[in-house]
């Protein structure tokens, strides 16, 4: 005999998984952006220093 579906619980689990995935993507995006900014800022300081 099949189990009785619990739609509210299943929906909450999907929403929870979706929120976790979204948070992971935002964190990865922020880390990538910070790395890009650091590389860009690091590169600009070498070019802006005419003594070296």
PDB file of N, CA and C in Angstrom:
ATOM      1  N   UNK A   1       0.845  -1.179   0.000  1.00  0.00           N
ATOM      2  CA  UNK A   1       0.000   0.000   0.000  1.00  0.00           C
ATOM      3  C   UNK A   1       0.891   1.244   0.000  1.00  0.00           C
ATOM      4  N   UNK A   2       0.664   2.163  -0.905  1.00  0.00           N
ATOM      5  CA  UNK A   2       1.513   3.370  -0.963  1.00  0.00           C
ATOM      6  C   UNK A   2       1.266   4.293   0.228  1.00  0.00           C
ATOM      7  N   UNK A   3       2.280   5.038   0.527  1.00  0.00           N
ATOM      8  CA  UNK A   3       2.175   5.959   1.670  1.00  0.00           C
ATOM      9  C   UNK A   3       1.311   7.159   1.326  1.00  0.00           C
ATOM     10  N   UNK A   4       0.786   7.776   2.338  1.00  0.00           N
ATOM     11  CA  UNK A   4      -0.033   8.972   2.157  1.00  0.00           C
ATOM     12  C   UNK A   4       0.898  10.165   1.936  1.00  0.00           C
ATOM     13  N   UNK A   5       0.712  10.952   0.883  1.00  0.00           N
ATOM     14  CA  UNK A   5       1.611  12.086   0.631  1.00  0.00           C
ATOM     15  C   UNK A   5       1.430  13.201   1.664  1.00  0.00           C
ATOM     16  N   UNK A   6       2.552  13.789   2.019  1.00  0.00           N
ATOM     17  CA  UNK A   6       2.548  14.915   2.954  1.00  0.00           C
ATOM     18  C   UNK A   6       3.068  16.117   2.162  1.00  0.00           C
ATOM     19  N   UNK A   7       2.177  16.783   1.474  1.00  0.00           N
ATOM     20  CA  UNK A   7       2.566  17.835   0.542  1.00  0.00           C
ATOM     21  C   UNK A   7       3.249  19.014   1.225  1.00  0.00           C
ATOM     22  N   UNK A   8       2.763  19.391   2.380  1.00  0.00           N
ATOM     23  CA  UNK A   8       3.353  20.539   3.073  1.00  0.00           C
ATOM     24  C   UNK A   8       4.801  20.268   3.475  1.00  0.00           C
ATOM     25  N   UNK A   9       5.066  19.073   4.013  1.00  0.00           N
ATOM     26  CA  UNK A   9       6.428  18.705   4.401  1.00  0.00           C
ATOM     27  C   UNK A   9       7.341  18.645   3.182  1.00  0.00           C
ATOM     28  N   UNK A  10       6.868  18.010   2.112  1.00  0.00           N
ATOM     29  CA  UNK A  10       7.679  17.900   0.902  1.00  0.00           C
ATOM     30  C   UNK A  10       7.981  19.273   0.315  1.00  0.00           C
ATOM     31  N   UNK A  11       7.004  20.159   0.340  1.00  0.00           N
ATOM     32  CA  UNK A  11       7.204  21.512  -0.163  1.00  0.00           C
ATOM     33  C   UNK A  11       8.233  22.255   0.683  1.00  0.00           C
ATOM     34  N   UNK A  12       8.131  22.093   2.011  1.00  0.00           N
ATOM     35  CA  UNK A  12       9.087  22.770   2.888  1.00  0.00           C
ATOM     36  C   UNK A  12      10.498  22.236   2.674  1.00  0.00           C
ATOM     37  N   UNK A  13      10.623  20.937   2.402  1.00  0.00           N
ATOM     38  CA  UNK A  13      11.942  20.361   2.131  1.00  0.00           C
ATOM     39  C   UNK A  13      12.512  20.905   0.820  1.00  0.00           C
ATOM     40  N   UNK A  14      11.680  21.017  -0.207  1.00  0.00           N
ATOM     41  CA  UNK A  14      12.142  21.584  -1.474  1.00  0.00           C
ATOM     42  C   UNK A  14      12.573  23.031  -1.300  1.00  0.00           C
ATOM     43  N   UNK A  15      11.790  23.799  -0.557  1.00  0.00           N
ATOM     44  CA  UNK A  15      12.132  25.203  -0.325  1.00  0.00           C
ATOM     45  C   UNK A  15      13.435  25.333   0.460  1.00  0.00           C
ATOM     46  N   UNK A  16      13.615  24.456   1.456  1.00  0.00           N
ATOM     47  CA  UNK A  16      14.836  24.482   2.268  1.00  0.00           C
ATOM     48  C   UNK A  16      16.053  24.158   1.405  1.00  0.00           C
ATOM     49  N   UNK A  17      15.933  23.124   0.561  1.00  0.00           N
ATOM     50  CA  UNK A  17      17.040  22.757  -0.328  1.00  0.00           C
ATOM     51  C   UNK A  17      17.347  23.870  -1.315  1.00  0.00           C
ATOM     52  N   UNK A  18      16.302  24.507  -1.819  1.00  0.00           N
ATOM     53  CA  UNK A  18      16.479  25.605  -2.764  1.00  0.00           C
ATOM     54  C   UNK A  18      17.198  26.774  -2.101  1.00  0.00           C
ATOM     55  N   UNK A  19      16.832  27.091  -0.855  1.00  0.00           N
ATOM     56  CA  UNK A  19      17.482  28.187  -0.130  1.00  0.00           C
ATOM     57  C   UNK A  19      18.946  27.876   0.142  1.00  0.00           C
ATOM     58  N   UNK A  20      19.258  26.629   0.491  1.00  0.00           N
ATOM     59  CA  UNK A  20      20.646  26.245   0.729  1.00  0.00           C
ATOM     60  C   UNK A  20      21.470  26.357  -0.546  1.00  0.00           C
ATOM     61  N   UNK A  21      20.903  25.912  -1.648  1.00  0.00           N
ATOM     62  CA  UNK A  21      21.604  25.974  -2.927  1.00  0.00           C
ATOM     63  C   UNK A  21      21.840  27.426  -3.345  1.00  0.00           C
ATOM     64  N   UNK A  22      20.840  28.265  -3.131  1.00  0.00           N
ATOM     65  CA  UNK A  22      20.960  29.680  -3.480  1.00  0.00           C
ATOM     66  C   UNK A  22      22.029  30.359  -2.627  1.00  0.00           C
ATOM     67  N   UNK A  23      22.061  30.030  -1.332  1.00  0.00           N
ATOM     68  CA  UNK A  23      23.063  30.612  -0.441  1.00  0.00           C
ATOM     69  C   UNK A  23      24.469  30.175  -0.856  1.00  0.00           C
ATOM     70  N   UNK A  24      24.618  28.916  -1.236  1.00  0.00           N
ATOM     71  CA  UNK A  24      25.926  28.423  -1.680  1.00  0.00           C
ATOM     72  C   UNK A  24      26.366  29.139  -2.956  1.00  0.00           C
ATOM     73  N   UNK A  25      25.429  29.347  -3.864  1.00  0.00           N
ATOM     74  CA  UNK A  25      25.764  30.056  -5.104  1.00  0.00           C
ATOM     75  C   UNK A  25      26.162  31.497  -4.831  1.00  0.00           C
ATOM     76  N   UNK A  26      25.423  32.163  -3.939  1.00  0.00           N
ATOM     77  CA  UNK A  26      25.758  33.550  -3.612  1.00  0.00           C
ATOM     78  C   UNK A  26      27.127  33.650  -2.952  1.00  0.00           C
ATOM     79  N   UNK A  27      27.440  32.687  -2.081  1.00  0.00           N
ATOM     80  CA  UNK A  27      28.748  32.690  -1.421  1.00  0.00           C
ATOM     81  C   UNK A  27      29.864  32.476  -2.442  1.00  0.00           C
ATOM     82  N   UNK A  28      29.665  31.533  -3.349  1.00  0.00           N
ATOM     83  CA  UNK A  28      30.676  31.277  -4.383  1.00  0.00           C
ATOM     84  C   UNK A  28      30.840  32.501  -5.276  1.00  0.00           C
ATOM     85  N   UNK A  29      29.734  33.139  -5.596  1.00  0.00           N
ATOM     86  CA  UNK A  29      29.787  34.333  -6.432  1.00  0.00           C
ATOM     87  C   UNK A  29      30.540  35.460  -5.723  1.00  0.00           C
ATOM     88  N   UNK A  30      30.294  35.614  -4.422  1.00  0.00           N
ATOM     89  CA  UNK A  30      30.980  36.653  -3.661  1.00  0.00           C
ATOM     90  C   UNK A  30      32.478  36.370  -3.570  1.00  0.00           C
ATOM     91  N   UNK A  31      32.848  35.115  -3.350  1.00  0.00           N
ATOM     92  CA  UNK A  31      34.271  34.763  -3.284  1.00  0.00           C
ATOM     93  C   UNK A  31      34.958  35.011  -4.625  1.00  0.00           C
ATOM     94  N   UNK A  32      34.278  34.646  -5.690  1.00  0.00           N
ATOM     95  CA  UNK A  32      34.850  34.857  -7.025  1.00  0.00           C
ATOM     96  C   UNK A  32      35.007  36.351  -7.302  1.00  0.00           C
ATOM     97  N   UNK A  33      34.017  37.123  -6.898  1.00  0.00           N
ATOM     98  CA  UNK A  33      34.060  38.563  -7.106  1.00  0.00           C
ATOM     99  C   UNK A  33      35.190  39.193  -6.290  1.00  0.00           C
ATOM    100  N   UNK A  34      35.334  38.759  -5.035  1.00  0.00           N
ATOM    101  CA  UNK A  34      36.405  39.285  -4.195  1.00  0.00           C
ATOM    102  C   UNK A  34      37.778  38.942  -4.767  1.00  0.00           C
ATOM    103  N   UNK A  35      37.922  37.731  -5.276  1.00  0.00           N
ATOM    104  CA  UNK A  35      39.198  37.324  -5.863  1.00  0.00           C
ATOM    105  C   UNK A  35      39.503  38.160  -7.101  1.00  0.00           C
ATOM    106  N   UNK A  36      38.468  38.398  -7.905  1.00  0.00           N
ATOM    107  CA  UNK A  36      38.649  39.218  -9.107  1.00  0.00           C
ATOM    108  C   UNK A  36      39.029  40.643  -8.740  1.00  0.00           C
ATOM    109  N   UNK A  37      38.372  41.193  -7.717  1.00  0.00           N
ATOM    110  CA  UNK A  37      38.683  42.556  -7.278  1.00  0.00           C
ATOM    111  C   UNK A  37      40.094  42.638  -6.725  1.00  0.00           C
ATOM    112  N   UNK A  38      40.500  41.635  -5.957  1.00  0.00           N
ATOM    113  CA  UNK A  38      41.847  41.626  -5.387  1.00  0.00           C
ATOM    114  C   UNK A  38      42.895  41.542  -6.491  1.00  0.00           C
ATOM    115  N   UNK A  39      42.634  40.732  -7.496  1.00  0.00           N
ATOM    116  CA  UNK A  39      43.582  40.606  -8.607  1.00  0.00           C
ATOM    117  C   UNK A  39      43.647  41.911  -9.393  1.00  0.00           C
ATOM    118  N   UNK A  40      42.497  42.527  -9.581  1.00  0.00           N
ATOM    119  CA  UNK A  40      42.464  43.787 -10.328  1.00  0.00           C
ATOM    120  C   UNK A  40      43.170  44.889  -9.540  1.00  0.00           C
ATOM    121  N   UNK A  41      42.883  44.985  -8.254  1.00  0.00           N
ATOM    122  CA  UNK A  41      43.510  46.016  -7.432  1.00  0.00           C
ATOM    123  C   UNK A  41      45.005  45.765  -7.280  1.00  0.00           C
ATOM    124  N   UNK A  42      45.400  44.523  -7.170  1.00  0.00           N
ATOM    125  CA  UNK A  42      46.816  44.187  -7.074  1.00  0.00           C
ATOM    126  C   UNK A  42      47.549  44.536  -8.347  1.00  0.00           C
ATOM    127  N   UNK A  43      46.922  44.328  -9.484  1.00  0.00           N
ATOM    128  CA  UNK A  43      47.523  44.638 -10.781  1.00  0.00           C
ATOM    129  C   UNK A  43      47.627  46.131 -11.007  1.00  0.00           C
ATOM    130  N   UNK A  44      46.647  46.897 -10.531  1.00  0.00           N
ATOM    131  CA  UNK A  44      46.664  48.343 -10.713  1.00  0.00           C
ATOM    132  C   UNK A  44      47.769  49.004  -9.904  1.00  0.00           C
ATOM    133  N   UNK A  45      48.049  48.493  -8.720  1.00  0.00           N
ATOM    134  CA  UNK A  45      49.082  49.112  -7.883  1.00  0.00           C
ATOM    135  C   UNK A  45      50.455  48.948  -8.510  1.00  0.00           C
ATOM    136  N   UNK A  46      50.713  47.820  -9.191  1.00  0.00           N
ATOM    137  CA  UNK A  46      52.003  47.641  -9.845  1.00  0.00           C
ATOM    138  C   UNK A  46      52.161  48.579 -11.030  1.00  0.00           C
ATOM    139  N   UNK A  47      51.099  48.780 -11.769  1.00  0.00           N
ATOM    140  CA  UNK A  47      51.158  49.661 -12.932  1.00  0.00           C
ATOM    141  C   UNK A  47      51.208  51.127 -12.525  1.00  0.00           C
ATOM    142  N   UNK A  48      50.599  51.466 -11.390  1.00  0.00           N
ATOM    143  CA  UNK A  48      50.540  52.858 -10.964  1.00  0.00           C
ATOM    144  C   UNK A  48      51.843  53.314 -10.309  1.00  0.00           C
ATOM    145  N   UNK A  49      52.694  52.374  -9.909  1.00  0.00           N
ATOM    146  CA  UNK A  49      53.955  52.719  -9.238  1.00  0.00           C
ATOM    147  C   UNK A  49      55.055  52.844 -10.293  1.00  0.00           C
ATOM    148  N   UNK A  50      55.422  54.072 -10.703  1.00  0.00           N
ATOM    149  CA  UNK A  50      56.413  54.232 -11.773  1.00  0.00           C
ATOM    150  C   UNK A  50      57.844  53.941 -11.339  1.00  0.00           C
ATOM    151  N   UNK A  51      58.123  53.871 -10.043  1.00  0.00           N
ATOM    152  CA  UNK A  51      59.484  53.659  -9.581  1.00  0.00           C
ATOM    153  C   UNK A  51      59.966  52.228  -9.806  1.00  0.00           C
ATOM    154  N   UNK A  52      59.072  51.262  -9.877  1.00  0.00           N
ATOM    155  CA  UNK A  52      59.474  49.865 -10.042  1.00  0.00           C
ATOM    156  C   UNK A  52      59.521  49.478 -11.459  1.00  0.00           C
TER     157      UNK A  52
END
